[in-house]
């Protein structure tokens, strides 16, 4: 794609149309994170700054186009937002970022302070999506005194080793998820200890992932609608489509209201808002997959490549949810409130 074509693209334009045009003019068979960054489509509004919905619309659109790409795009744009919020190092020209903050007990990084605000990283980091595609990453880790921290690291720095991917899932395969080992790697501290998890944006980002899930589920419903239009759908098939439509529309309303609440309460604790929207979209995504399978049968699931990809990818991606653990967390927040009206959680959910 020419530089002139790139310059005519903007996040202010309808996301799906921009992506379709970019894909049609791309020199490769599939869009990449580099394509989106070169076109400036990674310069999303920061969450909580008045245009959170536009940010989520782009996440949803990329997810509907290619869910594996959305995984990398969400991590990259989240990293840029975190760097801005915590006044981290400037983004190098052309850099692509990952955000790797999963904390399984067998893969926890140790942060060792060095000179001039630098850190040395020791240990392994699991679930590193795009490990061979990004140039930089934000990684979570732990200081010797038990406090959590965040660091920016260059992926070609001495001591960085990308291990065996150990990624056998059919879904989300192109994310190139792997374990990354750090052997005394120099990195830059981002924020003070504890800042990453204690900042308001932590839950803003967590809610944004639900927009990706919704975008993929909406794309499944779109494929279902198109296939049913080609034939003579019976009442059962129409009922499945109607159920999917109603669920997606209800979740879209929740996403819009959640984005609005975040923009009007940017410094407030958004944990309840994030958990609510994540759990709602997780449920809807599962239901849409079920309705699509039952409405279409095996034929389109085996012959429609995009639908097949979505049906394989979405169950993997949505497992970023912590399921019943998050439900228990939201229930705990409800019990902690002294107010028994819906307005206890932001006011917008009251009729």
Protein backbone atom coordinates (compact mmCIF):
# COMPACT_ATOMS: atom_id res chain seq x y z
CA UNK A 1 0.00 0.00 0.00
CA UNK A 2 1.38 3.44 -0.90
CA UNK A 3 2.23 6.14 1.63
CA UNK A 4 -0.47 8.31 0.04
CA UNK A 5 -3.06 5.60 0.65
CA UNK A 6 -1.94 5.25 4.25
CA UNK A 7 -2.24 8.99 4.79
CA UNK A 8 -5.89 8.91 3.70
CA UNK A 9 -6.84 6.47 6.46
CA UNK A 10 -8.01 7.64 9.87
CA UNK A 11 -9.49 6.19 13.03
CA UNK A 12 -12.23 8.78 12.63
CA UNK A 13 -13.54 6.80 9.62
CA UNK A 14 -15.82 3.75 10.01
CA UNK A 15 -13.48 1.03 11.31
CA UNK A 16 -14.85 -1.89 9.29
CA UNK A 17 -14.62 0.05 6.02
CA UNK A 18 -11.06 1.14 6.77
CA UNK A 19 -10.03 -2.43 7.53
CA UNK A 20 -11.67 -3.77 4.38
CA UNK A 21 -9.89 -1.18 2.26
CA UNK A 22 -6.57 -1.78 3.96
CA UNK A 23 -6.93 -5.53 3.48
CA UNK A 24 -7.81 -5.11 -0.21
CA UNK A 25 -4.74 -2.98 -0.84
CA UNK A 26 -2.33 -4.91 1.40
CA UNK A 27 0.63 -6.59 -0.23
CA UNK A 28 0.20 -9.64 2.00
CA UNK A 29 -2.57 -12.21 2.15
CA UNK A 30 -3.63 -11.11 5.65
CA UNK A 31 -3.41 -7.89 7.59
CA UNK A 32 -0.67 -7.68 10.20
CA UNK A 33 -0.09 -5.54 13.26
CA UNK A 34 2.62 -3.76 11.27
CA UNK A 35 0.03 -2.84 8.60
CA UNK A 36 -2.24 -1.26 11.20
CA UNK A 37 0.62 0.62 12.84
CA UNK A 38 2.00 1.92 9.54
CA UNK A 39 -1.45 3.23 8.69
CA UNK A 40 -1.64 5.02 12.05
CA UNK A 41 -4.60 2.91 13.11
CA UNK A 42 -2.96 2.13 16.46
CA UNK A 43 -3.25 5.74 17.61
CA UNK A 44 -6.47 5.13 19.49
CA UNK A 45 -7.98 7.56 22.00
CA UNK A 46 -6.84 6.82 25.52
CA UNK A 47 -9.49 5.20 27.72
CA UNK A 48 -11.18 7.59 30.11
CA UNK A 49 -10.42 10.65 27.96
CA UNK A 50 -13.83 11.16 26.37
CA UNK A 51 -13.66 8.75 23.43
CA UNK A 52 -13.50 5.34 25.09
CA UNK A 53 -16.33 4.07 22.87
CA UNK A 54 -14.37 4.91 19.71
CA UNK A 55 -11.41 2.99 21.12
CA UNK A 56 -13.63 -0.03 21.77
CA UNK A 57 -15.25 0.24 18.33
CA UNK A 58 -11.81 -0.18 16.77
CA UNK A 59 -10.99 -3.13 19.01
CA UNK A 60 -14.31 -4.74 18.08
CA UNK A 61 -13.82 -4.11 14.36
CA UNK A 62 -10.34 -5.61 14.28
CA UNK A 63 -11.64 -8.62 16.25
CA UNK A 64 -14.44 -9.10 13.73
CA UNK A 65 -11.89 -8.97 10.93
CA UNK A 66 -9.31 -11.31 12.48
CA UNK A 67 -9.38 -12.33 16.13
CA UNK A 68 -5.71 -13.35 16.27
CA UNK A 69 -4.75 -9.96 14.88
CA UNK A 70 -7.03 -8.33 17.45
CA UNK A 71 -5.15 -10.10 20.24
CA UNK A 72 -1.90 -8.46 19.11
CA UNK A 73 -3.60 -5.13 18.34
CA UNK A 74 -5.23 -4.97 21.77
CA UNK A 75 -1.92 -5.74 23.51
CA UNK A 76 -0.07 -3.14 21.43
CA UNK A 77 -2.62 -0.37 21.92
CA UNK A 78 -2.92 -1.23 25.62
CA UNK A 79 0.84 -0.88 25.98
CA UNK A 80 0.78 2.55 24.34
CA UNK A 81 -1.99 3.66 26.72
CA UNK A 82 -0.07 2.35 29.75
CA UNK A 83 3.13 4.12 28.67
CA UNK A 84 1.17 7.37 28.41
CA UNK A 85 -0.64 6.95 31.72
CA UNK A 86 2.46 5.97 33.73
CA UNK A 87 4.80 8.38 31.91
CA UNK A 88 6.95 5.57 30.59
CA UNK A 89 9.73 5.81 28.01
CA UNK A 90 8.93 7.30 24.62
CA UNK A 91 7.83 4.87 21.96
CA UNK A 92 10.62 4.26 19.42
CA UNK A 93 9.66 4.98 15.83
CA UNK A 94 8.05 1.97 14.20
CA UNK A 95 8.00 -0.13 17.35
CA UNK A 96 5.37 -2.79 17.99
CA UNK A 97 4.50 -3.66 21.58
CA UNK A 98 3.14 -6.55 23.56
CA UNK A 99 1.58 -6.38 27.02
CA UNK A 100 2.50 -9.52 28.93
CA UNK A 101 1.15 -9.48 32.44
CA UNK A 102 -0.15 -13.00 33.05
CA UNK A 103 1.11 -14.28 36.38
CA UNK A 104 1.07 -18.11 36.52
CA UNK A 105 2.93 -19.36 39.60
CA UNK A 106 5.58 -21.15 37.53
CA UNK A 107 6.51 -18.12 35.41
CA UNK A 108 7.07 -14.98 37.46
CA UNK A 109 9.73 -12.43 36.59
CA UNK A 110 12.07 -11.04 39.23
CA UNK A 111 12.92 -7.34 39.06
CA UNK A 112 16.39 -6.41 40.25
CA UNK A 113 17.06 -2.64 40.50
CA UNK A 114 20.08 -1.42 38.54
CA UNK A 115 21.55 2.03 37.93
CA UNK A 116 19.67 5.08 36.60
CA UNK A 117 16.18 3.67 37.15
CA UNK A 118 16.91 0.58 35.11
CA UNK A 119 16.06 -2.98 36.05
CA UNK A 120 17.47 -6.40 35.37
CA UNK A 121 14.89 -9.04 34.54
CA UNK A 122 15.32 -12.63 35.66
CA UNK A 123 13.05 -15.58 34.94
CA UNK A 124 10.35 -16.66 32.52
CA UNK A 125 7.25 -14.93 31.21
CA UNK A 126 4.40 -17.14 29.98
CA UNK A 127 1.58 -16.45 27.50
CA UNK A 128 3.56 -13.94 25.45
CA UNK A 129 1.41 -13.33 22.38
CA UNK A 130 3.29 -12.09 19.34
CA UNK A 131 6.63 -12.97 20.92
CA UNK A 132 8.35 -13.17 17.52
CA UNK A 133 6.44 -10.26 16.00
CA UNK A 134 6.73 -7.40 18.49
CA UNK A 135 9.85 -5.31 18.99
CA UNK A 136 9.15 -4.28 22.60
CA UNK A 137 7.01 -5.43 25.50
CA UNK A 138 5.62 -4.33 28.81
CA UNK A 139 6.10 -7.13 31.32
CA UNK A 140 4.89 -7.48 34.89
CA UNK A 141 7.19 -8.75 37.58
CA UNK A 142 8.04 -8.67 41.26
CA UNK A 143 10.54 -6.79 43.38
CA UNK A 144 12.43 -8.49 46.20
CA UNK A 145 10.14 -6.88 48.80
CA UNK A 146 7.08 -8.53 47.22
CA UNK A 147 5.72 -5.48 45.42
CA UNK A 148 4.47 -5.82 41.83
CA UNK A 149 6.02 -3.77 39.07
CA UNK A 150 6.07 -3.15 35.34
CA UNK A 151 8.99 -2.84 32.95
CA UNK A 152 9.55 -1.93 29.30
CA UNK A 153 11.96 -4.26 27.52
CA UNK A 154 13.43 -4.42 24.04
CA UNK A 155 12.95 -7.86 22.54
CA UNK A 156 16.34 -7.97 20.85
CA UNK A 157 18.22 -7.11 24.05
CA UNK A 158 20.96 -9.52 25.17
CA UNK A 159 19.57 -12.26 27.41
CA UNK A 160 16.11 -12.51 25.80
CA UNK A 161 15.23 -16.02 24.60
CA UNK A 162 11.96 -16.96 22.95
CA UNK A 163 11.33 -20.56 23.89
CA UNK A 164 9.31 -23.38 22.42
CA UNK A 165 5.84 -21.96 21.70
CA UNK A 166 4.13 -24.97 23.32
CA UNK A 167 1.00 -23.64 21.67
CA UNK A 168 -1.05 -26.50 20.29
CA UNK A 169 -4.47 -24.86 20.17
CA UNK A 170 -6.14 -24.75 16.77
CA UNK A 171 -7.78 -21.48 17.76
CA UNK A 172 -5.66 -18.31 17.95
CA UNK A 173 -2.70 -20.11 16.38
CA UNK A 174 -1.34 -17.06 14.48
CA UNK A 175 -0.84 -15.14 17.74
CA UNK A 176 2.52 -16.95 17.98
CA UNK A 177 2.16 -17.26 21.75
CA UNK A 178 5.31 -18.47 23.51
CA UNK A 179 7.26 -18.40 26.74
CA UNK A 180 10.00 -15.78 26.88
CA UNK A 181 13.00 -16.21 29.18
CA UNK A 182 14.94 -13.27 30.57
CA UNK A 183 18.51 -13.76 31.81
CA UNK A 184 19.61 -10.52 33.44
CA UNK A 185 18.01 -8.45 30.68
CA UNK A 186 18.21 -4.68 31.06
CA UNK A 187 14.82 -2.97 31.10
CA UNK A 188 13.24 0.32 32.11
CA UNK A 189 10.90 0.57 35.08
CA UNK A 190 7.47 1.95 34.14
CA UNK A 191 5.89 3.73 37.07
CA UNK A 192 6.60 3.05 40.73
CA UNK A 193 6.05 -0.38 42.33
CA UNK A 194 2.32 -1.09 42.41
CA UNK A 195 1.37 1.65 39.94
CA UNK A 196 0.40 -0.73 37.13
CA UNK A 197 -2.29 -2.58 39.08
CA UNK A 198 -3.44 0.38 41.17
CA UNK A 199 -4.02 2.91 38.36
CA UNK A 200 -7.61 3.46 37.12
CA UNK A 201 -6.59 2.37 33.63
CA UNK A 202 -5.95 -1.19 34.78
CA UNK A 203 -9.68 -1.94 34.74
CA UNK A 204 -10.29 0.29 31.71
CA UNK A 205 -8.04 -2.04 29.75
CA UNK A 206 -9.72 -5.10 31.20
CA UNK A 207 -13.09 -3.85 30.03
CA UNK A 208 -11.71 -3.12 26.56
CA UNK A 209 -10.95 -6.80 26.00
CA UNK A 210 -14.70 -7.44 26.19
CA UNK A 211 -15.07 -5.23 23.12
CA UNK A 212 -12.85 -7.71 21.24
CA UNK A 213 -15.04 -10.62 22.34
CA UNK A 214 -18.16 -8.74 21.29
CA UNK A 215 -16.69 -7.85 17.89
CA UNK A 216 -15.91 -11.49 17.14
CA UNK A 217 -19.33 -12.67 18.33
CA UNK A 218 -21.00 -10.02 16.17
CA UNK A 219 -18.98 -11.23 13.17
CA UNK A 220 -20.24 -14.79 13.81
CA UNK A 221 -23.82 -13.48 13.81
CA UNK A 222 -23.15 -11.60 10.58
CA UNK A 223 -21.93 -14.81 8.89
CA UNK A 224 -24.99 -16.63 10.23
CA UNK A 225 -27.29 -13.95 8.81
CA UNK A 226 -25.65 -14.09 5.37
CA UNK A 227 -25.84 -17.88 5.16
CA UNK A 228 -29.49 -17.95 6.18
CA UNK A 229 -30.36 -15.31 3.57
CA UNK A 230 -29.03 -17.61 0.84
CA UNK A 231 -31.59 -20.31 1.59
CA UNK A 232 -35.07 -20.62 2.98
CA UNK A 233 -34.58 -20.49 6.75
CA UNK A 234 -37.13 -22.33 8.85
CA UNK A 235 -38.63 -21.05 12.06
CA UNK A 236 -36.00 -22.67 14.24
CA UNK A 237 -33.16 -21.06 12.29
CA UNK A 238 -34.87 -17.68 12.46
CA UNK A 239 -35.29 -18.12 16.21
CA UNK A 240 -31.56 -18.81 16.63
CA UNK A 241 -30.72 -15.70 14.63
CA UNK A 242 -33.19 -13.62 16.59
CA UNK A 243 -31.75 -14.83 19.89
CA UNK A 244 -28.23 -13.94 18.78
CA UNK A 245 -29.36 -10.50 17.59
CA UNK A 246 -31.10 -9.66 20.86
CA UNK A 247 -28.16 -10.78 22.98
CA UNK A 248 -25.63 -8.83 20.94
CA UNK A 249 -27.76 -5.68 20.98
CA UNK A 250 -28.15 -5.87 24.76
CA UNK A 251 -24.39 -6.25 25.18
CA UNK A 252 -23.72 -3.40 22.77
CA UNK A 253 -25.85 -1.16 25.00
CA UNK A 254 -23.88 -2.30 28.05
CA UNK A 255 -20.57 -1.58 26.28
CA UNK A 256 -21.74 1.90 25.30
CA UNK A 257 -22.93 2.69 28.81
CA UNK A 258 -19.73 1.31 30.33
CA UNK A 259 -17.58 3.42 28.01
CA UNK A 260 -19.63 6.49 28.91
CA UNK A 261 -19.29 5.77 32.63
CA UNK A 262 -15.51 5.41 32.29
CA UNK A 263 -15.30 8.73 30.43
CA UNK A 264 -17.34 10.54 33.08
CA UNK A 265 -15.58 8.83 36.02
CA UNK A 266 -12.00 8.44 34.70
CA UNK A 267 -10.35 8.41 38.12
CA UNK A 268 -12.88 6.12 39.85
CA UNK A 269 -12.40 2.41 40.52
CA UNK A 270 -13.81 0.70 37.43
CA UNK A 271 -13.47 -2.87 38.68
CA UNK A 272 -17.21 -3.51 38.98
CA UNK A 273 -17.85 -1.96 35.57
CA UNK A 274 -15.12 -4.06 33.94
CA UNK A 275 -16.20 -7.32 35.58
CA UNK A 276 -19.82 -6.73 34.68
CA UNK A 277 -19.15 -6.06 31.02
CA UNK A 278 -16.64 -8.89 30.70
CA UNK A 279 -18.99 -11.43 32.26
CA UNK A 280 -21.94 -10.29 30.18
CA UNK A 281 -20.04 -10.42 26.90
CA UNK A 282 -18.47 -13.77 27.80
CA UNK A 283 -21.96 -15.22 28.28
CA UNK A 284 -23.26 -13.70 25.06
CA UNK A 285 -20.26 -14.90 23.04
CA UNK A 286 -20.88 -18.46 24.17
CA UNK A 287 -24.57 -18.22 23.35
CA UNK A 288 -23.93 -16.76 19.89
CA UNK A 289 -21.53 -19.60 19.09
CA UNK A 290 -24.17 -22.09 20.22
CA UNK A 291 -26.95 -20.46 18.20
CA UNK A 292 -24.77 -20.25 15.07
CA UNK A 293 -23.83 -23.92 15.25
CA UNK A 294 -27.40 -25.06 15.70
CA UNK A 295 -28.82 -22.73 13.06
CA UNK A 296 -26.28 -23.49 10.34
CA UNK A 297 -25.31 -27.11 10.86
CA UNK A 298 -22.04 -28.57 9.67
CA UNK A 299 -22.03 -27.21 6.11
CA UNK A 300 -21.08 -23.55 6.62
CA UNK A 301 -18.90 -24.45 9.61
CA UNK A 302 -16.76 -26.52 7.24
CA UNK A 303 -16.93 -24.49 4.02
CA UNK A 304 -16.87 -20.86 5.22
CA UNK A 305 -13.23 -20.22 6.13
CA UNK A 306 -13.89 -16.99 8.05
CA UNK A 307 -16.72 -18.50 10.04
CA UNK A 308 -14.66 -21.60 10.82
CA UNK A 309 -11.79 -19.41 11.99
CA UNK A 310 -14.04 -17.37 14.26
CA UNK A 311 -15.68 -20.49 15.71
CA UNK A 312 -12.24 -21.88 16.56
CA UNK A 313 -10.67 -18.64 17.79
CA UNK A 314 -13.38 -17.11 19.97
CA UNK A 315 -13.64 -19.92 22.58
CA UNK A 316 -9.88 -19.64 23.15
CA UNK A 317 -9.76 -15.86 23.38
CA UNK A 318 -12.77 -15.62 25.68
CA UNK A 319 -11.01 -17.84 28.19
CA UNK A 320 -9.08 -14.76 29.24
CA UNK A 321 -12.11 -14.41 31.45
CA UNK A 322 -11.71 -15.92 34.90
CA UNK A 323 -15.28 -17.22 34.74
CA UNK A 324 -16.74 -18.07 38.17
CA UNK A 325 -13.84 -16.38 39.92
CA UNK A 326 -14.83 -13.08 38.29
CA UNK A 327 -18.50 -13.73 39.09
CA UNK A 328 -17.52 -14.22 42.73
CA UNK A 329 -15.47 -11.02 42.59
CA UNK A 330 -18.40 -9.04 41.25
CA UNK A 331 -20.67 -10.59 43.88
CA UNK A 332 -18.21 -9.58 46.60
CA UNK A 333 -18.25 -5.98 45.37
CA UNK A 334 -22.06 -6.04 45.45
CA UNK A 335 -22.08 -7.28 49.04
CA UNK A 336 -19.56 -4.62 50.10
CA UNK A 337 -21.90 -1.84 49.03
CA UNK A 338 -24.34 -0.40 51.57
CA UNK A 339 -26.68 0.69 48.79
CA UNK A 340 -29.11 -1.97 47.51
CA UNK A 341 -30.17 -0.01 44.42
CA UNK A 342 -28.56 -0.48 40.99
CA UNK A 343 -27.13 3.04 41.26
CA UNK A 344 -24.51 1.70 43.68
CA UNK A 345 -22.45 0.71 40.64
CA UNK A 346 -22.28 3.93 38.74
CA UNK A 347 -25.90 5.01 38.36
CA UNK A 348 -26.16 4.20 34.64
CA UNK A 349 -27.66 0.75 35.20
CA UNK A 350 -30.77 2.16 36.89
CA UNK A 351 -33.86 2.49 34.70
